Amino acid sequence: MSRILTYASLLFTLAFYGCGNEKQTPVQNEKHHYSVEKTKVFSEFTRQNEESGQQSEEPFARVLSVAASGSTGNVYLLDADYKEIFVFDSLGNYLNSIKGGYGRGPGEFEFPREVAVDDHEKVYAYDYSLRRVTVFNPSGEVLNTITANISSKSIFVSDNEIWFSVLHSKRHKAASTGLTEDSFTFYIPVTDRDLEFEPGGNVANLGVDSKNQLIVASLIPGIWYKKVEDEFTMFGKDLIPDKKPVVNKDNISVGPGGTMGVGGLFEDKIGIVWREINLVNDLPELGLFRLEVFKETGEHIESIELPMKWANDVYFDQDNNIYFAVDDPIPSVEKYTVTESKE
């Protein structure tokens, strides 16, 4: 859930029943509304000077990926420039870091791109350059290194598999491999509409619904895939069906934007965050970020404008929070909480 931005390819039934014998009538046509509020900013971490022993607050350099633990609520921020993963508790208090450092040795990074956490608090870091996933325990000790000879922009870890979005593929959107082998199975064919929307190939995003089941979101805003009886099925709808890239006078293709993140909300809803990109005076201009709320069955409920202009990553946790890794005004991660009201 992350930035992929080049000039040639600018992307990146509620029913209630009472007790007793009296028959209850389900509530009909109940409307839901959603709002989003910034509730936390992660902008610095604590570093101890090795010589003096004194502690100081240090700013982030470039956070590219965010993940949160479903068991502890701890938040993990991967900073690509520090080559380090910073760990905070659910209240935003700094806990520790997993120091990879630069290199090709065990636990080291060249270009760490994605971080994920499993149900046992193991931390998985995908290195785009080294094409591998390093597995750490919560203290930062290396447990395993998994070859991942695949180009990806987001990962998801289940009990026995690692899932990858397949970056710029013209054949498939997602792939999975076991935790001990470099053998991939590919899923979800790229469609003609996908290639019309992004001629360079797939740029999917991975997330999970409220039941912790994998979701694969198309770059096309409003479309996602989820397994139904072991087969991936498409849900939602194309929210901008008439949009496609425009070629400017310099023969550069400017895309209309695309999905940045996907996840579950409020037990039976799906949230999709996407951004607009417009062509203004023959130059690309970043437009609005939006949160689209859908029923799990695919019906669109509401669209909400968001305040940021860019994000390196967008991550949904299991408690109706969305994390945005941003660079403006400073490198940081902004946490927004989604609330639901009924009328």
C-alpha atoms as a PDB file:
ATOM      1  CA  MET A   1       0.000   0.000   0.000  1.00  0.00           C
ATOM      2  CA  SER A   2       2.472   2.513  -1.321  1.00  0.00           C
ATOM      3  CA  ARG A   3       3.760   5.106  -3.714  1.00  0.00           C
ATOM      4  CA  ILE A   4       4.315   4.095  -7.315  1.00  0.00           C
ATOM      5  CA  LEU A   5       4.766   7.430  -9.091  1.00  0.00           C
ATOM      6  CA  THR A   6       6.676   7.942 -12.296  1.00  0.00           C
ATOM      7  CA  TYR A   7       6.079  10.585 -14.893  1.00  0.00           C
ATOM      8  CA  ALA A   8       5.174   7.981 -17.485  1.00  0.00           C
ATOM      9  CA  SER A   9       2.789   6.160 -15.143  1.00  0.00           C
ATOM     10  CA  LEU A  10       1.352   8.519 -12.536  1.00  0.00           C
ATOM     11  CA  LEU A  11       0.045   6.339 -10.279  1.00  0.00           C
ATOM     12  CA  PHE A  12       0.174   5.151  -8.266  1.00  0.00           C
ATOM     13  CA  THR A  13     -28.614  -6.317   6.011  1.00  0.00           C
ATOM     14  CA  LEU A  14     -28.536  -4.807   9.273  1.00  0.00           C
ATOM     15  CA  ALA A  15     -31.372  -6.472  11.275  1.00  0.00           C
ATOM     16  CA  PHE A  16     -31.867  -6.358  15.040  1.00  0.00           C
ATOM     17  CA  TYR A  17     -33.952  -8.878  17.061  1.00  0.00           C
ATOM     18  CA  GLY A  18     -35.171  -8.473  20.640  1.00  0.00           C
ATOM     19  CA  CYS A  19     -35.504 -10.983  23.443  1.00  0.00           C
ATOM     20  CA  GLY A  20     -38.669 -12.708  24.580  1.00  0.00           C
ATOM     21  CA  ASN A  21     -41.606 -13.982  22.578  1.00  0.00           C
ATOM     22  CA  GLU A  22     -42.629 -10.771  20.873  1.00  0.00           C
ATOM     23  CA  LYS A  23     -41.874 -10.865  17.179  1.00  0.00           C
ATOM     24  CA  GLN A  24     -39.497  -8.141  16.049  1.00  0.00           C
ATOM     25  CA  THR A  25     -39.466  -6.441  12.659  1.00  0.00           C
ATOM     26  CA  PRO A  26     -36.021  -5.871  11.070  1.00  0.00           C
ATOM     27  CA  VAL A  27     -35.013  -2.249  10.664  1.00  0.00           C
ATOM     28  CA  GLN A  28     -35.436  -1.239   7.031  1.00  0.00           C
ATOM     29  CA  ASN A  29     -33.595   1.371   4.987  1.00  0.00           C
ATOM     30  CA  GLU A  30     -31.300   2.364   7.828  1.00  0.00           C
ATOM     31  CA  LYS A  31     -28.739   4.824   6.509  1.00  0.00           C
ATOM     32  CA  HIS A  32     -25.128   4.968   7.567  1.00  0.00           C
ATOM     33  CA  HIS A  33     -22.827   7.958   7.426  1.00  0.00           C
ATOM     34  CA  TYR A  34     -19.080   8.041   7.951  1.00  0.00           C
ATOM     35  CA  SER A  35     -16.593  10.634   9.126  1.00  0.00           C
ATOM     36  CA  VAL A  36     -12.815  10.646   9.410  1.00  0.00           C
ATOM     37  CA  GLU A  37     -10.749  12.412  12.096  1.00  0.00           C
ATOM     38  CA  LYS A  38      -7.000  12.647  12.579  1.00  0.00           C
ATOM     39  CA  THR A  39      -6.254  11.112  15.971  1.00  0.00           C
ATOM     40  CA  LYS A  40      -2.472  10.649  16.061  1.00  0.00           C
ATOM     41  CA  VAL A  41       0.714  11.690  14.283  1.00  0.00           C
ATOM     42  CA  PHE A  42       3.874   9.582  14.488  1.00  0.00           C
ATOM     43  CA  SER A  43       6.658  12.030  13.643  1.00  0.00           C
ATOM     44  CA  GLU A  44       9.710  11.040  15.702  1.00  0.00           C
ATOM     45  CA  PHE A  45      11.384   8.252  17.627  1.00  0.00           C
ATOM     46  CA  THR A  46      13.755   8.076  20.570  1.00  0.00           C
ATOM     47  CA  ARG A  47      17.455   7.501  19.935  1.00  0.00           C
ATOM     48  CA  GLN A  48      20.113   7.018  22.626  1.00  0.00           C
ATOM     49  CA  ASN A  49      23.545   8.485  22.005  1.00  0.00           C
ATOM     50  CA  GLU A  50      26.058   5.652  22.282  1.00  0.00           C
ATOM     51  CA  GLU A  51      28.762   7.903  23.748  1.00  0.00           C
ATOM     52  CA  SER A  52      26.825  10.119  26.165  1.00  0.00           C
ATOM     53  CA  GLY A  53      23.977   7.741  26.916  1.00  0.00           C
ATOM     54  CA  GLN A  54      21.533  10.623  26.571  1.00  0.00           C
ATOM     55  CA  GLN A  55      18.286  10.198  24.681  1.00  0.00           C
ATOM     56  CA  SER A  56      16.943  12.534  22.037  1.00  0.00           C
ATOM     57  CA  GLU A  57      13.920  12.674  19.774  1.00  0.00           C
ATOM     58  CA  GLU A  58      14.797  12.142  16.116  1.00  0.00           C
ATOM     59  CA  PRO A  59      12.647  12.718  13.015  1.00  0.00           C
ATOM     60  CA  PHE A  60      11.861  10.083  10.431  1.00  0.00           C
ATOM     61  CA  ALA A  61      13.490  10.274   7.012  1.00  0.00           C
ATOM     62  CA  ARG A  62      11.193   8.388   4.615  1.00  0.00           C
ATOM     63  CA  VAL A  63       8.490   6.039   5.878  1.00  0.00           C
ATOM     64  CA  LEU A  64       7.338   3.814   3.034  1.00  0.00           C
ATOM     65  CA  SER A  65       5.235   1.194   4.803  1.00  0.00           C
ATOM     66  CA  VAL A  66       3.028   0.816   7.883  1.00  0.00           C
ATOM     67  CA  ALA A  67       1.581  -2.252   9.598  1.00  0.00           C
ATOM     68  CA  ALA A  68      -0.197  -2.922  12.894  1.00  0.00           C
ATOM     69  CA  SER A  69      -0.498  -6.008  15.052  1.00  0.00           C
ATOM     70  CA  GLY A  70      -3.979  -7.427  15.421  1.00  0.00           C
ATOM     71  CA  SER A  71      -3.069  -8.904  18.815  1.00  0.00           C
ATOM     72  CA  THR A  72      -1.142  -6.127  20.608  1.00  0.00           C
ATOM     73  CA  GLY A  73      -2.089  -3.090  18.518  1.00  0.00           C
ATOM     74  CA  ASN A  74       1.586  -2.208  18.114  1.00  0.00           C
ATOM     75  CA  VAL A  75       2.349  -0.109  15.044  1.00  0.00           C
ATOM     76  CA  TYR A  76       5.360  -0.781  12.806  1.00  0.00           C
ATOM     77  CA  LEU A  77       6.820   1.949  10.590  1.00  0.00           C
ATOM     78  CA  LEU A  78       9.415   1.021   7.971  1.00  0.00           C
ATOM     79  CA  ASP A  79      11.812   3.843   7.150  1.00  0.00           C
ATOM     80  CA  ALA A  80      13.604   3.094   3.865  1.00  0.00           C
ATOM     81  CA  ASP A  81      16.388   5.628   4.434  1.00  0.00           C
ATOM     82  CA  TYR A  82      17.237   4.529   7.977  1.00  0.00           C
ATOM     83  CA  LYS A  83      16.878   0.867   6.857  1.00  0.00           C
ATOM     84  CA  GLU A  84      15.024   0.390  10.131  1.00  0.00           C
ATOM     85  CA  ILE A  85      11.585  -0.589  11.456  1.00  0.00           C
ATOM     86  CA  PHE A  86      10.292   1.571  14.316  1.00  0.00           C
ATOM     87  CA  VAL A  87       7.806   0.069  16.785  1.00  0.00           C
ATOM     88  CA  PHE A  88       5.161   2.014  18.751  1.00  0.00           C
ATOM     89  CA  ASP A  89       2.385   0.857  21.058  1.00  0.00           C
ATOM     90  CA  SER A  90      -1.280   1.481  20.256  1.00  0.00           C
ATOM     91  CA  LEU A  91      -1.183   4.834  22.106  1.00  0.00           C
ATOM     92  CA  GLY A  92       1.740   6.066  20.050  1.00  0.00           C
ATOM     93  CA  ASN A  93       4.501   5.539  22.603  1.00  0.00           C
ATOM     94  CA  TYR A  94       7.851   4.567  21.090  1.00  0.00           C
ATOM     95  CA  LEU A  95       8.975   1.070  22.107  1.00  0.00           C
ATOM     96  CA  ASN A  96      12.011  -0.020  20.121  1.00  0.00           C
ATOM     97  CA  SER A  97      13.366  -0.485  16.628  1.00  0.00           C
ATOM     98  CA  ILE A  98      14.472  -3.359  14.428  1.00  0.00           C
ATOM     99  CA  LYS A  99      17.795  -2.159  13.046  1.00  0.00           C
ATOM    100  CA  GLY A 100      18.469  -3.717   9.712  1.00  0.00           C
ATOM    101  CA  GLY A 101      21.171  -1.417   8.400  1.00  0.00           C
ATOM    102  CA  TYR A 102      22.520  -1.268   4.873  1.00  0.00           C
ATOM    103  CA  GLY A 103      23.934  -4.407   3.249  1.00  0.00           C
ATOM    104  CA  ARG A 104      23.210  -7.849   1.899  1.00  0.00           C
ATOM    105  CA  GLY A 105      23.868  -9.861   5.034  1.00  0.00           C
ATOM    106  CA  PRO A 106      21.240 -11.506   7.258  1.00  0.00           C
ATOM    107  CA  GLY A 107      18.755  -8.914   8.468  1.00  0.00           C
ATOM    108  CA  GLU A 108      20.254  -6.129   6.357  1.00  0.00           C
ATOM    109  CA  PHE A 109      18.475  -4.090   3.679  1.00  0.00           C
ATOM    110  CA  GLU A 110      19.189  -2.388   0.387  1.00  0.00           C
ATOM    111  CA  PHE A 111      15.721  -1.063  -0.414  1.00  0.00           C
ATOM    112  CA  PRO A 112      13.207  -2.187   2.253  1.00  0.00           C
ATOM    113  CA  ARG A 113       9.802  -1.565   0.732  1.00  0.00           C
ATOM    114  CA  GLU A 114       7.089  -3.297   2.803  1.00  0.00           C
ATOM    115  CA  VAL A 115       6.510  -4.430   6.373  1.00  0.00           C
ATOM    116  CA  ALA A 116       3.879  -6.882   7.667  1.00  0.00           C
ATOM    117  CA  VAL A 117       3.118  -8.511  11.020  1.00  0.00           C
ATOM    118  CA  ASP A 118       1.538 -11.914  11.611  1.00  0.00           C
ATOM    119  CA  ASP A 119      -0.712 -13.112  14.439  1.00  0.00           C
ATOM    120  CA  HIS A 120       2.334 -14.232  16.439  1.00  0.00           C
ATOM    121  CA  GLU A 121       3.993 -10.808  16.280  1.00  0.00           C
ATOM    122  CA  LYS A 122       6.641 -11.917  13.816  1.00  0.00           C
ATOM    123  CA  VAL A 123       7.730  -9.062  11.578  1.00  0.00           C
ATOM    124  CA  TYR A 124       8.213  -9.530   7.832  1.00  0.00           C
ATOM    125  CA  ALA A 125      10.228  -7.019   5.799  1.00  0.00           C
ATOM    126  CA  TYR A 126      10.256  -7.230   2.002  1.00  0.00           C
ATOM    127  CA  ASP A 127      13.338  -5.835   0.245  1.00  0.00           C
ATOM    128  CA  TYR A 128      12.547  -4.711  -3.292  1.00  0.00           C
ATOM    129  CA  SER A 129      16.197  -4.714  -4.397  1.00  0.00           C
ATOM    130  CA  LEU A 130      17.282  -7.963  -2.754  1.00  0.00           C
ATOM    131  CA  ARG A 131      14.018  -9.732  -3.657  1.00  0.00           C
ATOM    132  CA  ARG A 132      13.715 -11.356  -0.279  1.00  0.00           C
ATOM    133  CA  VAL A 133      11.603 -11.283   2.881  1.00  0.00           C
ATOM    134  CA  THR A 134      13.389 -11.221   6.229  1.00  0.00           C
ATOM    135  CA  VAL A 135      11.484 -12.506   9.253  1.00  0.00           C
ATOM    136  CA  PHE A 136      12.264 -10.993  12.677  1.00  0.00           C
ATOM    137  CA  ASN A 137      10.995 -11.685  16.169  1.00  0.00           C
ATOM    138  CA  PRO A 138       9.641  -8.662  18.117  1.00  0.00           C
ATOM    139  CA  SER A 139      13.117  -8.000  19.551  1.00  0.00           C
ATOM    140  CA  GLY A 140      14.673  -7.752  16.101  1.00  0.00           C
ATOM    141  CA  GLU A 141      16.425 -11.114  15.925  1.00  0.00           C
ATOM    142  CA  VAL A 142      16.469 -12.685  12.461  1.00  0.00           C
ATOM    143  CA  LEU A 143      14.373 -15.858  12.352  1.00  0.00           C
ATOM    144  CA  ASN A 144      14.359 -16.638   8.645  1.00  0.00           C
ATOM    145  CA  THR A 145      15.098 -15.283   5.191  1.00  0.00           C
ATOM    146  CA  ILE A 146      12.727 -16.166   2.348  1.00  0.00           C
ATOM    147  CA  THR A 147      13.687 -15.687  -1.282  1.00  0.00           C
ATOM    148  CA  ALA A 148      10.985 -13.686  -3.065  1.00  0.00           C
ATOM    149  CA  ASN A 149      12.038 -13.277  -6.667  1.00  0.00           C
ATOM    150  CA  ILE A 150       9.095 -11.077  -7.491  1.00  0.00           C
ATOM    151  CA  SER A 151       8.469  -7.354  -7.934  1.00  0.00           C
ATOM    152  CA  SER A 152       5.831  -6.223  -5.434  1.00  0.00           C
ATOM    153  CA  LYS A 153       4.380  -3.137  -3.757  1.00  0.00           C
ATOM    154  CA  SER A 154       2.425  -4.738  -0.903  1.00  0.00           C
ATOM    155  CA  ILE A 155       2.505  -7.982   1.087  1.00  0.00           C
ATOM    156  CA  PHE A 156       0.209  -9.912   3.434  1.00  0.00           C
ATOM    157  CA  VAL A 157       1.156 -12.811   5.720  1.00  0.00           C
ATOM    158  CA  SER A 158      -1.207 -15.634   6.655  1.00  0.00           C
ATOM    159  CA  ASP A 159      -0.456 -18.706   8.787  1.00  0.00           C
ATOM    160  CA  ASN A 160       1.457 -20.530   6.060  1.00  0.00           C
ATOM    161  CA  GLU A 161       1.774 -18.150   3.103  1.00  0.00           C
ATOM    162  CA  ILE A 162       3.078 -14.780   2.055  1.00  0.00           C
ATOM    163  CA  TRP A 163       0.975 -12.912  -0.495  1.00  0.00           C
ATOM    164  CA  PHE A 164       2.372 -10.307  -2.879  1.00  0.00           C
ATOM    165  CA  SER A 165       0.832  -7.850  -5.265  1.00  0.00           C
ATOM    166  CA  VAL A 166       2.540  -8.404  -8.633  1.00  0.00           C
ATOM    167  CA  LEU A 167       3.888  -5.048  -9.745  1.00  0.00           C
ATOM    168  CA  HIS A 168       3.466  -3.983 -13.395  1.00  0.00           C
ATOM    169  CA  SER A 169       2.343  -7.444 -14.471  1.00  0.00           C
ATOM    170  CA  LYS A 170       0.151  -7.712 -17.553  1.00  0.00           C
ATOM    171  CA  ARG A 171      -0.973 -11.212 -16.575  1.00  0.00           C
ATOM    172  CA  HIS A 172      -1.833 -11.449 -12.847  1.00  0.00           C
ATOM    173  CA  LYS A 173      -2.614  -9.212  -9.878  1.00  0.00           C
ATOM    174  CA  ALA A 174      -1.393 -11.332  -6.956  1.00  0.00           C
ATOM    175  CA  ALA A 175       0.846 -14.259  -6.066  1.00  0.00           C
ATOM    176  CA  SER A 176       1.561 -16.364  -3.006  1.00  0.00           C
ATOM    177  CA  THR A 177       4.408 -18.522  -1.767  1.00  0.00           C
ATOM    178  CA  GLY A 178       4.990 -20.730   1.246  1.00  0.00           C
ATOM    179  CA  LEU A 179       7.040 -19.553   4.187  1.00  0.00           C
ATOM    180  CA  THR A 180       9.920 -21.904   3.346  1.00  0.00           C
ATOM    181  CA  GLU A 181      10.049 -22.011  -0.459  1.00  0.00           C
ATOM    182  CA  ASP A 182      10.507 -19.795  -3.495  1.00  0.00           C
ATOM    183  CA  SER A 183       7.664 -21.202  -5.590  1.00  0.00           C
ATOM    184  CA  PHE A 184       4.824 -18.883  -6.585  1.00  0.00           C
ATOM    185  CA  THR A 185       1.187 -19.459  -7.443  1.00  0.00           C
ATOM    186  CA  PHE A 186      -0.447 -16.631  -9.393  1.00  0.00           C
ATOM    187  CA  TYR A 187      -4.040 -15.372  -9.104  1.00  0.00           C
ATOM    188  CA  ILE A 188      -6.562 -12.928 -10.629  1.00  0.00           C
ATOM    189  CA  PRO A 189      -5.964 -12.271 -14.325  1.00  0.00           C
ATOM    190  CA  VAL A 190      -5.327  -8.700 -15.453  1.00  0.00           C
ATOM    191  CA  THR A 191      -8.279  -7.478 -17.548  1.00  0.00           C
ATOM    192  CA  ASP A 192      -8.510  -5.307 -20.649  1.00  0.00           C
ATOM    193  CA  ARG A 193      -9.924  -2.515 -18.470  1.00  0.00           C
ATOM    194  CA  ASP A 194      -6.904  -2.833 -16.146  1.00  0.00           C
ATOM    195  CA  LEU A 195      -4.553  -2.321 -19.086  1.00  0.00           C
ATOM    196  CA  GLU A 196      -6.635   0.544 -20.445  1.00  0.00           C
ATOM    197  CA  PHE A 197      -6.452   2.202 -17.032  1.00  0.00           C
ATOM    198  CA  GLU A 198      -2.727   1.487 -16.573  1.00  0.00           C
ATOM    199  CA  PRO A 199      -0.980   0.348 -19.784  1.00  0.00           C
ATOM    200  CA  GLY A 200       2.195  -0.420 -17.846  1.00  0.00           C
ATOM    201  CA  GLY A 201       0.479  -3.309 -16.045  1.00  0.00           C
ATOM    202  CA  ASN A 202      -1.025  -4.211 -12.712  1.00  0.00           C
ATOM    203  CA  VAL A 203      -0.548  -2.070  -9.602  1.00  0.00           C
ATOM    204  CA  ALA A 204      -2.774  -3.864  -7.076  1.00  0.00           C
ATOM    205  CA  ASN A 205      -2.989  -3.304  -3.315  1.00  0.00           C
ATOM    206  CA  LEU A 206      -3.424  -5.957  -0.621  1.00  0.00           C
ATOM    207  CA  GLY A 207      -5.418  -5.620   2.582  1.00  0.00           C
ATOM    208  CA  VAL A 208      -7.696  -7.613   4.847  1.00  0.00           C
ATOM    209  CA  ASP A 209     -11.386  -7.372   5.666  1.00  0.00           C
ATOM    210  CA  SER A 210     -12.818  -7.237   9.182  1.00  0.00           C
ATOM    211  CA  LYS A 211     -12.505 -11.029   9.436  1.00  0.00           C
ATOM    212  CA  ASN A 212      -8.825 -10.868   8.520  1.00  0.00           C
ATOM    213  CA  GLN A 213      -9.436 -12.367   5.086  1.00  0.00           C
ATOM    214  CA  LEU A 214      -7.261 -11.238   2.187  1.00  0.00           C
ATOM    215  CA  ILE A 215      -8.548  -8.522  -0.171  1.00  0.00           C
ATOM    216  CA  VAL A 216      -6.853  -7.657  -3.461  1.00  0.00           C
ATOM    217  CA  ALA A 217      -7.815  -4.182  -4.670  1.00  0.00           C
ATOM    218  CA  SER A 218      -7.477  -3.207  -8.299  1.00  0.00           C
ATOM    219  CA  LEU A 219      -5.740   0.039  -9.177  1.00  0.00           C
ATOM    220  CA  ILE A 220      -9.153   1.031 -10.598  1.00  0.00           C
ATOM    221  CA  PRO A 221     -10.965   2.739  -7.690  1.00  0.00           C
ATOM    222  CA  GLY A 222     -13.928   0.750  -6.387  1.00  0.00           C
ATOM    223  CA  ILE A 223     -12.969  -2.778  -7.468  1.00  0.00           C
ATOM    224  CA  TRP A 224     -11.634  -5.493  -5.200  1.00  0.00           C
ATOM    225  CA  TYR A 225     -11.340  -9.287  -5.156  1.00  0.00           C
ATOM    226  CA  LYS A 226     -11.870 -11.769  -2.351  1.00  0.00           C
ATOM    227  CA  LYS A 227     -11.879 -15.545  -2.170  1.00  0.00           C
ATOM    228  CA  VAL A 228     -15.309 -17.184  -2.276  1.00  0.00           C
ATOM    229  CA  GLU A 229     -15.164 -20.982  -2.060  1.00  0.00           C
ATOM    230  CA  ASP A 230     -11.446 -20.941  -2.913  1.00  0.00           C
ATOM    231  CA  GLU A 231     -11.922 -18.778  -6.017  1.00  0.00           C
ATOM    232  CA  PHE A 232     -11.278 -15.047  -6.221  1.00  0.00           C
ATOM    233  CA  THR A 233     -14.478 -13.140  -7.001  1.00  0.00           C
ATOM    234  CA  MET A 234     -14.746  -9.483  -8.032  1.00  0.00           C
ATOM    235  CA  PHE A 235     -16.780  -7.046  -5.903  1.00  0.00           C
ATOM    236  CA  GLY A 236     -17.614  -3.345  -6.063  1.00  0.00           C
ATOM    237  CA  LYS A 237     -17.742  -1.223  -9.188  1.00  0.00           C
ATOM    238  CA  ASP A 238     -15.535   0.981 -11.323  1.00  0.00           C
ATOM    239  CA  LEU A 239     -16.068   4.442  -9.841  1.00  0.00           C
ATOM    240  CA  ILE A 240     -14.492   6.280 -12.785  1.00  0.00           C
ATOM    241  CA  PRO A 241     -15.434   4.115 -15.813  1.00  0.00           C
ATOM    242  CA  ASP A 242     -14.797   6.877 -18.346  1.00  0.00           C
ATOM    243  CA  LYS A 243     -11.309   7.706 -17.088  1.00  0.00           C
ATOM    244  CA  LYS A 244      -8.104   6.527 -18.723  1.00  0.00           C
ATOM    245  CA  PRO A 245      -4.585   7.910 -19.210  1.00  0.00           C
ATOM    246  CA  VAL A 246      -4.120  11.055 -21.289  1.00  0.00           C
ATOM    247  CA  VAL A 247      -1.007  11.667 -23.360  1.00  0.00           C
ATOM    248  CA  ASN A 248       0.345  15.219 -23.063  1.00  0.00           C
ATOM    249  CA  LYS A 249       2.290  17.185 -25.663  1.00  0.00           C
ATOM    250  CA  ASP A 250       5.550  15.567 -24.553  1.00  0.00           C
ATOM    251  CA  ASN A 251       4.065  12.148 -25.340  1.00  0.00           C
ATOM    252  CA  ILE A 252       3.942  11.285 -21.638  1.00  0.00           C
ATOM    253  CA  SER A 253       1.024   9.204 -20.390  1.00  0.00           C
ATOM    254  CA  VAL A 254      -0.677  10.749 -17.357  1.00  0.00           C
ATOM    255  CA  GLY A 255      -2.962   8.333 -15.511  1.00  0.00           C
ATOM    256  CA  PRO A 256      -6.147   9.423 -13.703  1.00  0.00           C
ATOM    257  CA  GLY A 257      -4.945   8.240 -10.287  1.00  0.00           C
ATOM    258  CA  GLY A 258      -5.784   5.003  -8.559  1.00  0.00           C
ATOM    259  CA  THR A 259      -6.284   2.945  -5.415  1.00  0.00           C
ATOM    260  CA  MET A 260      -3.763   3.434  -2.601  1.00  0.00           C
ATOM    261  CA  GLY A 261      -5.150   1.168   0.135  1.00  0.00           C
ATOM    262  CA  VAL A 262      -7.976  -1.205   1.054  1.00  0.00           C
ATOM    263  CA  GLY A 263      -9.292  -2.757   4.262  1.00  0.00           C
ATOM    264  CA  GLY A 264     -12.253  -3.769   6.376  1.00  0.00           C
ATOM    265  CA  LEU A 265     -14.423  -1.376   8.378  1.00  0.00           C
ATOM    266  CA  PHE A 266     -17.177  -1.976  10.976  1.00  0.00           C
ATOM    267  CA  GLU A 267     -17.490  -5.764  10.619  1.00  0.00           C
ATOM    268  CA  ASP A 268     -19.266  -5.752   7.249  1.00  0.00           C
ATOM    269  CA  LYS A 269     -17.883  -2.805   5.259  1.00  0.00           C
ATOM    270  CA  ILE A 270     -14.930  -2.334   2.929  1.00  0.00           C
ATOM    271  CA  GLY A 271     -12.948   0.891   2.698  1.00  0.00           C
ATOM    272  CA  ILE A 272     -10.933   1.925  -0.357  1.00  0.00           C
ATOM    273  CA  VAL A 273      -8.629   4.943  -0.365  1.00  0.00           C
ATOM    274  CA  TRP A 274      -7.714   6.381  -3.750  1.00  0.00           C
ATOM    275  CA  ARG A 275      -6.265   9.555  -5.184  1.00  0.00           C
ATOM    276  CA  GLU A 276      -7.032  11.635  -8.253  1.00  0.00           C
ATOM    277  CA  ILE A 277      -4.423  12.856 -10.707  1.00  0.00           C
ATOM    278  CA  ASN A 278      -5.419  15.595 -13.146  1.00  0.00           C
ATOM    279  CA  LEU A 279      -3.768  17.076 -16.217  1.00  0.00           C
ATOM    280  CA  VAL A 280      -3.527  20.848 -15.691  1.00  0.00           C
ATOM    281  CA  ASN A 281      -1.778  23.027 -18.288  1.00  0.00           C
ATOM    282  CA  ASP A 282      -0.403  19.812 -19.785  1.00  0.00           C
ATOM    283  CA  LEU A 283       1.243  18.878 -16.470  1.00  0.00           C
ATOM    284  CA  PRO A 284       0.173  16.265 -13.912  1.00  0.00           C
ATOM    285  CA  GLU A 285      -1.357  17.655 -10.722  1.00  0.00           C
ATOM    286  CA  LEU A 286      -2.234  15.624  -7.638  1.00  0.00           C
ATOM    287  CA  GLY A 287      -5.926  15.884  -6.818  1.00  0.00           C
ATOM    288  CA  LEU A 288      -8.093  14.793  -3.922  1.00  0.00           C
ATOM    289  CA  PHE A 289      -7.695  11.726  -1.760  1.00  0.00           C
ATOM    290  CA  ARG A 290     -10.992   9.947  -1.127  1.00  0.00           C
ATOM    291  CA  LEU A 291     -12.242   7.197   1.162  1.00  0.00           C
ATOM    292  CA  GLU A 292     -14.937   5.097  -0.497  1.00  0.00           C
ATOM    293  CA  VAL A 293     -17.114   2.982   1.817  1.00  0.00           C
ATOM    294  CA  PHE A 294     -18.813  -0.139   0.437  1.00  0.00           C
ATOM    295  CA  LYS A 295     -20.881  -2.962   1.813  1.00  0.00           C
ATOM    296  CA  GLU A 296     -18.985  -6.258   1.728  1.00  0.00           C
ATOM    297  CA  THR A 297     -21.420  -7.362  -0.960  1.00  0.00           C
ATOM    298  CA  GLY A 298     -20.200  -4.571  -3.236  1.00  0.00           C
ATOM    299  CA  GLU A 299     -22.791  -1.785  -2.939  1.00  0.00           C
ATOM    300  CA  HIS A 300     -21.280   1.696  -2.690  1.00  0.00           C
ATOM    301  CA  ILE A 301     -22.380   3.674   0.400  1.00  0.00           C
ATOM    302  CA  GLU A 302     -20.461   6.928   0.657  1.00  0.00           C
ATOM    303  CA  SER A 303     -17.484   8.935  -0.585  1.00  0.00           C
ATOM    304  CA  ILE A 304     -15.441  11.081   1.856  1.00  0.00           C
ATOM    305  CA  GLU A 305     -12.796  13.646   0.905  1.00  0.00           C
ATOM    306  CA  LEU A 306      -9.507  13.349   2.786  1.00  0.00           C
ATOM    307  CA  PRO A 307      -7.084  16.203   3.538  1.00  0.00           C
ATOM    308  CA  MET A 308      -3.740  14.790   2.359  1.00  0.00           C
ATOM    309  CA  LYS A 309      -2.248  15.300  -1.094  1.00  0.00           C
ATOM    310  CA  TRP A 310       0.098  12.348  -1.175  1.00  0.00           C
ATOM    311  CA  ALA A 311       0.922   9.186   0.756  1.00  0.00           C
ATOM    312  CA  ASN A 312       3.681   6.622   0.361  1.00  0.00           C
ATOM    313  CA  ASP A 313       1.477   3.981   1.964  1.00  0.00           C
ATOM    314  CA  VAL A 314      -2.092   3.565   3.208  1.00  0.00           C
ATOM    315  CA  TYR A 315      -2.841   0.898   5.824  1.00  0.00           C
ATOM    316  CA  PHE A 316      -6.139  -0.181   7.454  1.00  0.00           C
ATOM    317  CA  ASP A 317      -5.947  -1.810  10.897  1.00  0.00           C
ATOM    318  CA  GLN A 318      -8.643  -3.955  12.518  1.00  0.00           C
ATOM    319  CA  ASP A 319     -10.041  -1.114  14.677  1.00  0.00           C
ATOM    320  CA  ASN A 320     -11.374   1.265  11.995  1.00  0.00           C
ATOM    321  CA  ASN A 321      -8.158   3.262  11.790  1.00  0.00           C
ATOM    322  CA  ILE A 322      -6.308   4.219   8.615  1.00  0.00           C
ATOM    323  CA  TYR A 323      -2.611   5.092   8.608  1.00  0.00           C
ATOM    324  CA  PHE A 324      -1.070   7.356   5.966  1.00  0.00           C
ATOM    325  CA  ALA A 325       2.702   7.526   5.505  1.00  0.00           C
ATOM    326  CA  VAL A 326       3.252  11.110   4.327  1.00  0.00           C
ATOM    327  CA  ASP A 327       6.171  13.431   3.543  1.00  0.00           C
ATOM    328  CA  ASP A 328       4.379  16.781   3.793  1.00  0.00           C
ATOM    329  CA  PRO A 329       4.823  18.828   5.893  1.00  0.00           C
ATOM    330  CA  ILE A 330       7.381  16.417   7.433  1.00  0.00           C
ATOM    331  CA  PRO A 331       8.041  12.677   7.071  1.00  0.00           C
ATOM    332  CA  SER A 332       5.501  11.104   9.409  1.00  0.00           C
ATOM    333  CA  VAL A 333       2.582   8.717   9.715  1.00  0.00           C
ATOM    334  CA  GLU A 334      -0.875  10.173  10.289  1.00  0.00           C
ATOM    335  CA  LYS A 335      -3.512   8.020  11.933  1.00  0.00           C
ATOM    336  CA  TYR A 336      -7.162   8.707  11.095  1.00  0.00           C
ATOM    337  CA  THR A 337     -10.120   7.083  12.859  1.00  0.00           C
ATOM    338  CA  VAL A 338     -13.284   6.334  10.914  1.00  0.00           C
ATOM    339  CA  THR A 339     -16.595   6.642  12.777  1.00  0.00           C
ATOM    340  CA  GLU A 340     -20.000   5.384  11.734  1.00  0.00           C
ATOM    341  CA  SER A 341     -23.338   7.023  12.529  1.00  0.00           C
ATOM    342  CA  LYS A 342     -26.838   5.776  11.775  1.00  0.00           C
ATOM    343  CA  GLU A 343     -30.121   7.510  11.127  1.00  0.00           C
END
